[in-house]
Amino acid sequence: MVFKIYYQDDIDRNPKREDTHSFYIEAESLAHAREIVQKNTNYNIEFIEELSDKALTYEQAGPDFEIKTF
């Protein structure tokens, strides 16, 4: 499954919508996706979204789509 991770770069600052970034990872479950991100980054995770087939197709059409590997 592919998950879209919404995050803030700095874990010590209050989240601001304007500073939200995202990236994509493959994982077996939502819990596994969260574990991967927490283990490999210092990001402040806002939300993790499992992408449906339609949502994945839409995201793949964007120029910045890339699945990160850790």
N, C-alpha and C. Protein backbone atom coordinates (compact mmCIF):
# COMPACT_ATOMS: atom_id res chain seq x y z
N MET A 1 0.83 -1.18 0.00
CA MET A 1 0.00 0.00 0.00
C MET A 1 0.88 1.25 0.00
N VAL A 2 0.37 2.28 -0.59
CA VAL A 2 1.09 3.55 -0.64
C VAL A 2 0.40 4.53 0.31
N PHE A 3 1.23 5.21 1.10
CA PHE A 3 0.73 6.18 2.06
C PHE A 3 1.32 7.55 1.76
N LYS A 4 0.51 8.58 1.96
CA LYS A 4 0.97 9.96 1.83
C LYS A 4 1.17 10.49 3.24
N ILE A 5 2.37 10.96 3.51
CA ILE A 5 2.74 11.45 4.83
C ILE A 5 2.76 12.98 4.79
N TYR A 6 1.94 13.60 5.64
CA TYR A 6 1.93 15.05 5.79
C TYR A 6 2.75 15.38 7.03
N TYR A 7 3.69 16.33 6.90
CA TYR A 7 4.58 16.59 8.02
C TYR A 7 5.05 18.04 8.06
N GLN A 8 5.60 18.41 9.20
CA GLN A 8 6.30 19.67 9.39
C GLN A 8 7.78 19.33 9.57
N ASP A 9 8.67 20.17 9.05
CA ASP A 9 10.10 19.91 9.16
C ASP A 9 10.60 19.94 10.60
N ASP A 10 10.07 20.84 11.39
CA ASP A 10 10.60 21.08 12.73
C ASP A 10 9.63 20.55 13.79
N ILE A 11 10.09 19.62 14.59
CA ILE A 11 9.24 19.02 15.62
C ILE A 11 9.04 19.96 16.82
N ASP A 12 9.91 20.96 16.97
CA ASP A 12 9.86 21.85 18.13
C ASP A 12 8.98 23.08 17.93
N ARG A 13 8.58 23.37 16.71
CA ARG A 13 7.74 24.55 16.43
C ARG A 13 6.28 24.15 16.31
N ASN A 14 5.41 25.10 16.58
CA ASN A 14 3.98 24.86 16.39
C ASN A 14 3.70 24.68 14.90
N PRO A 15 2.87 23.70 14.56
CA PRO A 15 2.55 23.47 13.14
C PRO A 15 1.81 24.66 12.52
N LYS A 16 2.17 24.98 11.30
CA LYS A 16 1.49 26.00 10.51
C LYS A 16 1.14 25.38 9.17
N ARG A 17 -0.06 25.57 8.74
CA ARG A 17 -0.52 24.97 7.49
C ARG A 17 0.39 25.31 6.32
N GLU A 18 0.92 26.52 6.31
CA GLU A 18 1.77 26.95 5.21
C GLU A 18 3.08 26.16 5.14
N ASP A 19 3.48 25.56 6.24
CA ASP A 19 4.74 24.83 6.30
C ASP A 19 4.57 23.32 6.15
N THR A 20 3.39 22.86 5.83
CA THR A 20 3.14 21.43 5.69
C THR A 20 3.71 20.93 4.37
N HIS A 21 4.44 19.83 4.44
CA HIS A 21 5.01 19.16 3.28
C HIS A 21 4.47 17.74 3.24
N SER A 22 4.77 17.03 2.17
CA SER A 22 4.33 15.64 2.09
C SER A 22 5.30 14.81 1.27
N PHE A 23 5.26 13.51 1.52
CA PHE A 23 5.99 12.55 0.72
C PHE A 23 5.23 11.23 0.77
N TYR A 24 5.67 10.27 -0.02
CA TYR A 24 4.97 9.00 -0.17
C TYR A 24 5.90 7.86 0.23
N ILE A 25 5.31 6.84 0.87
CA ILE A 25 6.07 5.63 1.18
C ILE A 25 5.18 4.41 0.95
N GLU A 26 5.82 3.27 0.79
CA GLU A 26 5.11 2.00 0.73
C GLU A 26 5.26 1.31 2.07
N ALA A 27 4.16 0.76 2.57
CA ALA A 27 4.19 0.06 3.85
C ALA A 27 3.05 -0.95 3.87
N GLU A 28 3.12 -1.88 4.81
CA GLU A 28 2.12 -2.94 4.93
C GLU A 28 0.82 -2.45 5.56
N SER A 29 0.93 -1.44 6.45
CA SER A 29 -0.24 -0.94 7.17
C SER A 29 0.03 0.49 7.62
N LEU A 30 -1.00 1.13 8.15
CA LEU A 30 -0.85 2.49 8.67
C LEU A 30 0.15 2.50 9.83
N ALA A 31 0.06 1.52 10.71
CA ALA A 31 0.98 1.45 11.85
C ALA A 31 2.42 1.26 11.37
N HIS A 32 2.61 0.44 10.37
CA HIS A 32 3.95 0.21 9.82
C HIS A 32 4.47 1.48 9.16
N ALA A 33 3.62 2.22 8.47
CA ALA A 33 4.03 3.48 7.84
C ALA A 33 4.48 4.47 8.91
N ARG A 34 3.72 4.58 9.99
CA ARG A 34 4.09 5.49 11.08
C ARG A 34 5.42 5.08 11.70
N GLU A 35 5.61 3.80 11.89
CA GLU A 35 6.85 3.28 12.46
C GLU A 35 8.05 3.62 11.58
N ILE A 36 7.90 3.44 10.28
CA ILE A 36 8.99 3.74 9.33
C ILE A 36 9.37 5.22 9.41
N VAL A 37 8.38 6.08 9.41
CA VAL A 37 8.65 7.51 9.40
C VAL A 37 9.26 7.95 10.73
N GLN A 38 8.73 7.48 11.84
CA GLN A 38 9.26 7.89 13.14
C GLN A 38 10.68 7.39 13.35
N LYS A 39 10.99 6.23 12.83
CA LYS A 39 12.31 5.65 13.00
C LYS A 39 13.36 6.35 12.13
N ASN A 40 12.96 6.86 10.98
CA ASN A 40 13.92 7.36 10.00
C ASN A 40 13.93 8.87 9.79
N THR A 41 13.06 9.60 10.47
CA THR A 41 13.04 11.06 10.31
C THR A 41 12.85 11.73 11.66
N ASN A 42 13.07 13.04 11.68
CA ASN A 42 12.78 13.86 12.86
C ASN A 42 11.59 14.77 12.60
N TYR A 43 10.75 14.40 11.66
CA TYR A 43 9.62 15.23 11.27
C TYR A 43 8.50 15.18 12.30
N ASN A 44 7.73 16.25 12.34
CA ASN A 44 6.51 16.30 13.13
C ASN A 44 5.39 15.80 12.21
N ILE A 45 4.95 14.58 12.41
CA ILE A 45 3.94 13.97 11.54
C ILE A 45 2.57 14.54 11.86
N GLU A 46 1.92 15.10 10.85
CA GLU A 46 0.58 15.65 11.02
C GLU A 46 -0.49 14.60 10.73
N PHE A 47 -0.30 13.88 9.63
CA PHE A 47 -1.34 12.96 9.19
C PHE A 47 -0.73 11.95 8.23
N ILE A 48 -1.24 10.72 8.28
CA ILE A 48 -0.83 9.69 7.34
C ILE A 48 -2.08 9.19 6.65
N GLU A 49 -2.07 9.25 5.33
CA GLU A 49 -3.24 8.90 4.53
C GLU A 49 -2.92 7.72 3.62
N GLU A 50 -3.74 6.67 3.73
CA GLU A 50 -3.61 5.56 2.79
C GLU A 50 -4.28 5.97 1.49
N LEU A 51 -3.57 5.85 0.38
CA LEU A 51 -4.11 6.28 -0.90
C LEU A 51 -4.91 5.17 -1.57
N SER A 52 -6.13 5.49 -1.98
CA SER A 52 -6.92 4.56 -2.76
C SER A 52 -6.32 4.47 -4.16
N ASP A 53 -6.79 3.54 -4.96
CA ASP A 53 -6.28 3.41 -6.32
C ASP A 53 -6.46 4.70 -7.13
N LYS A 54 -7.63 5.31 -7.00
CA LYS A 54 -7.89 6.56 -7.73
C LYS A 54 -7.01 7.69 -7.24
N ALA A 55 -6.85 7.78 -5.92
CA ALA A 55 -6.00 8.84 -5.36
C ALA A 55 -4.55 8.64 -5.77
N LEU A 56 -4.09 7.39 -5.79
CA LEU A 56 -2.73 7.10 -6.19
C LEU A 56 -2.50 7.48 -7.66
N THR A 57 -3.45 7.15 -8.51
CA THR A 57 -3.35 7.52 -9.93
C THR A 57 -3.26 9.03 -10.08
N TYR A 58 -4.06 9.75 -9.32
CA TYR A 58 -4.03 11.22 -9.36
C TYR A 58 -2.67 11.74 -8.90
N GLU A 59 -2.18 11.25 -7.77
CA GLU A 59 -0.89 11.70 -7.23
C GLU A 59 0.26 11.38 -8.18
N GLN A 60 0.21 10.22 -8.83
CA GLN A 60 1.27 9.82 -9.76
C GLN A 60 1.35 10.74 -10.96
N ALA A 61 0.27 11.42 -11.30
CA ALA A 61 0.25 12.34 -12.43
C ALA A 61 0.99 13.64 -12.12
N GLY A 62 1.24 13.90 -10.84
CA GLY A 62 1.93 15.13 -10.45
C GLY A 62 3.42 15.04 -10.72
N PRO A 63 4.06 16.17 -10.97
CA PRO A 63 5.48 16.18 -11.32
C PRO A 63 6.40 15.80 -10.16
N ASP A 64 5.94 15.93 -8.92
CA ASP A 64 6.80 15.69 -7.76
C ASP A 64 6.58 14.33 -7.12
N PHE A 65 5.82 13.45 -7.78
CA PHE A 65 5.54 12.14 -7.18
C PHE A 65 6.79 11.27 -7.18
N GLU A 66 7.14 10.80 -5.99
CA GLU A 66 8.26 9.87 -5.82
C GLU A 66 8.06 9.13 -4.50
N ILE A 67 8.17 7.82 -4.54
CA ILE A 67 8.04 7.03 -3.32
C ILE A 67 9.41 6.97 -2.65
N LYS A 68 9.46 7.46 -1.40
CA LYS A 68 10.72 7.46 -0.65
C LYS A 68 10.99 6.08 -0.10
N THR A 69 12.26 5.74 -0.04
CA THR A 69 12.67 4.50 0.61
C THR A 69 13.67 4.85 1.71
N PHE A 70 13.58 4.12 2.79
CA PHE A 70 14.48 4.35 3.93
C PHE A 70 15.30 3.12 4.18
